[in-house]
Amino acid sequence: MDTLTVLRSVATVLCFATFVGILVWAYSRRNAERFEEAAQLPLQD
């Protein structure tokens, strides 16, 4: 296999793992209250 192909494959896997990590963080119950609070900020006077 070509070195460039391996680097592209590794970069793709790392980007996907980062994406999945962000999804897990965003949808964790631990952050739900903070995000709900932030969602209400534009509606406050």
N, C-alpha and C. Protein backbone atom coordinates (compact mmCIF):
# COMPACT_ATOMS: atom_id res chain seq x y z
N MET A 1 0.84 -1.18 0.00
CA MET A 1 0.00 0.00 0.00
C MET A 1 0.88 1.25 0.00
N ASP A 2 0.38 2.25 -0.63
CA ASP A 2 1.09 3.52 -0.72
C ASP A 2 1.05 4.25 0.62
N THR A 3 2.12 4.95 0.96
CA THR A 3 2.21 5.68 2.22
C THR A 3 1.13 6.76 2.30
N LEU A 4 0.89 7.43 1.20
CA LEU A 4 -0.14 8.48 1.19
C LEU A 4 -1.53 7.90 1.46
N THR A 5 -1.79 6.75 0.92
CA THR A 5 -3.08 6.08 1.15
C THR A 5 -3.25 5.73 2.62
N VAL A 6 -2.19 5.24 3.24
CA VAL A 6 -2.24 4.90 4.66
C VAL A 6 -2.49 6.16 5.49
N LEU A 7 -1.81 7.25 5.17
CA LEU A 7 -2.01 8.50 5.90
C LEU A 7 -3.44 9.02 5.75
N ARG A 8 -3.98 8.91 4.56
CA ARG A 8 -5.36 9.34 4.34
C ARG A 8 -6.33 8.47 5.13
N SER A 9 -6.07 7.17 5.16
CA SER A 9 -6.93 6.26 5.92
C SER A 9 -6.87 6.57 7.41
N VAL A 10 -5.69 6.82 7.92
CA VAL A 10 -5.53 7.15 9.34
C VAL A 10 -6.24 8.47 9.65
N ALA A 11 -6.10 9.46 8.77
CA ALA A 11 -6.75 10.75 8.98
C ALA A 11 -8.27 10.58 8.97
N THR A 12 -8.79 9.76 8.10
CA THR A 12 -10.23 9.51 8.03
C THR A 12 -10.74 8.86 9.31
N VAL A 13 -10.02 7.87 9.79
CA VAL A 13 -10.42 7.19 11.03
C VAL A 13 -10.35 8.15 12.21
N LEU A 14 -9.32 8.98 12.29
CA LEU A 14 -9.20 9.95 13.38
C LEU A 14 -10.32 10.98 13.33
N CYS A 15 -10.66 11.45 12.15
CA CYS A 15 -11.76 12.41 12.02
C CYS A 15 -13.09 11.78 12.43
N PHE A 16 -13.31 10.55 12.03
CA PHE A 16 -14.54 9.86 12.41
C PHE A 16 -14.60 9.65 13.92
N ALA A 17 -13.49 9.26 14.52
CA ALA A 17 -13.45 9.06 15.97
C ALA A 17 -13.71 10.38 16.70
N THR A 18 -13.18 11.47 16.18
CA THR A 18 -13.43 12.79 16.77
C THR A 18 -14.90 13.14 16.66
N PHE A 19 -15.50 12.89 15.51
CA PHE A 19 -16.92 13.15 15.30
C PHE A 19 -17.78 12.35 16.28
N VAL A 20 -17.48 11.08 16.44
CA VAL A 20 -18.24 10.24 17.37
C VAL A 20 -18.05 10.74 18.80
N GLY A 21 -16.84 11.15 19.14
CA GLY A 21 -16.58 11.69 20.48
C GLY A 21 -17.39 12.94 20.75
N ILE A 22 -17.49 13.82 19.76
CA ILE A 22 -18.29 15.03 19.92
C ILE A 22 -19.77 14.68 20.08
N LEU A 23 -20.25 13.72 19.33
CA LEU A 23 -21.65 13.29 19.47
C LEU A 23 -21.92 12.74 20.87
N VAL A 24 -21.02 11.91 21.36
CA VAL A 24 -21.20 11.34 22.70
C VAL A 24 -21.21 12.45 23.74
N TRP A 25 -20.30 13.40 23.61
CA TRP A 25 -20.23 14.52 24.55
C TRP A 25 -21.51 15.37 24.48
N ALA A 26 -21.97 15.67 23.28
CA ALA A 26 -23.13 16.54 23.11
C ALA A 26 -24.42 15.91 23.62
N TYR A 27 -24.55 14.61 23.51
CA TYR A 27 -25.78 13.95 23.92
C TYR A 27 -25.70 13.28 25.28
N SER A 28 -24.62 13.51 26.02
CA SER A 28 -24.52 12.92 27.35
C SER A 28 -25.48 13.62 28.30
N ARG A 29 -26.02 12.89 29.22
CA ARG A 29 -26.98 13.43 30.18
C ARG A 29 -26.33 14.47 31.08
N ARG A 30 -25.05 14.35 31.27
CA ARG A 30 -24.32 15.27 32.14
C ARG A 30 -24.37 16.70 31.62
N ASN A 31 -24.44 16.88 30.30
CA ASN A 31 -24.46 18.20 29.70
C ASN A 31 -25.86 18.72 29.39
N ALA A 32 -26.87 17.91 29.58
CA ALA A 32 -28.22 18.27 29.17
C ALA A 32 -28.72 19.54 29.88
N GLU A 33 -28.49 19.63 31.17
CA GLU A 33 -28.97 20.80 31.91
C GLU A 33 -28.28 22.07 31.44
N ARG A 34 -26.99 22.00 31.22
CA ARG A 34 -26.25 23.17 30.77
C ARG A 34 -26.70 23.62 29.38
N PHE A 35 -26.94 22.66 28.49
CA PHE A 35 -27.38 23.01 27.15
C PHE A 35 -28.80 23.57 27.16
N GLU A 36 -29.65 23.03 28.02
CA GLU A 36 -31.02 23.54 28.12
C GLU A 36 -31.00 24.99 28.63
N GLU A 37 -30.15 25.24 29.59
CA GLU A 37 -29.99 26.60 30.11
C GLU A 37 -29.50 27.56 29.00
N ALA A 38 -28.55 27.12 28.22
CA ALA A 38 -28.03 27.94 27.13
C ALA A 38 -29.08 28.16 26.05
N ALA A 39 -29.94 27.18 25.83
CA ALA A 39 -30.97 27.31 24.82
C ALA A 39 -32.00 28.37 25.19
N GLN A 40 -32.17 28.61 26.48
CA GLN A 40 -33.16 29.60 26.93
C GLN A 40 -32.61 31.02 26.95
N LEU A 41 -31.32 31.22 26.78
CA LEU A 41 -30.73 32.56 26.84
C LEU A 41 -31.33 33.55 25.84
N PRO A 42 -31.57 33.19 24.59
CA PRO A 42 -32.13 34.16 23.66
C PRO A 42 -33.56 34.58 24.01
N LEU A 43 -34.25 33.78 24.81
CA LEU A 43 -35.65 34.07 25.14
C LEU A 43 -35.79 34.94 26.38
N GLN A 44 -34.71 35.14 27.09
CA GLN A 44 -34.74 35.94 28.32
C GLN A 44 -34.63 37.42 27.98
N ASP A 45 -35.21 38.25 28.80
CA ASP A 45 -35.13 39.71 28.58
C ASP A 45 -33.80 40.26 28.99
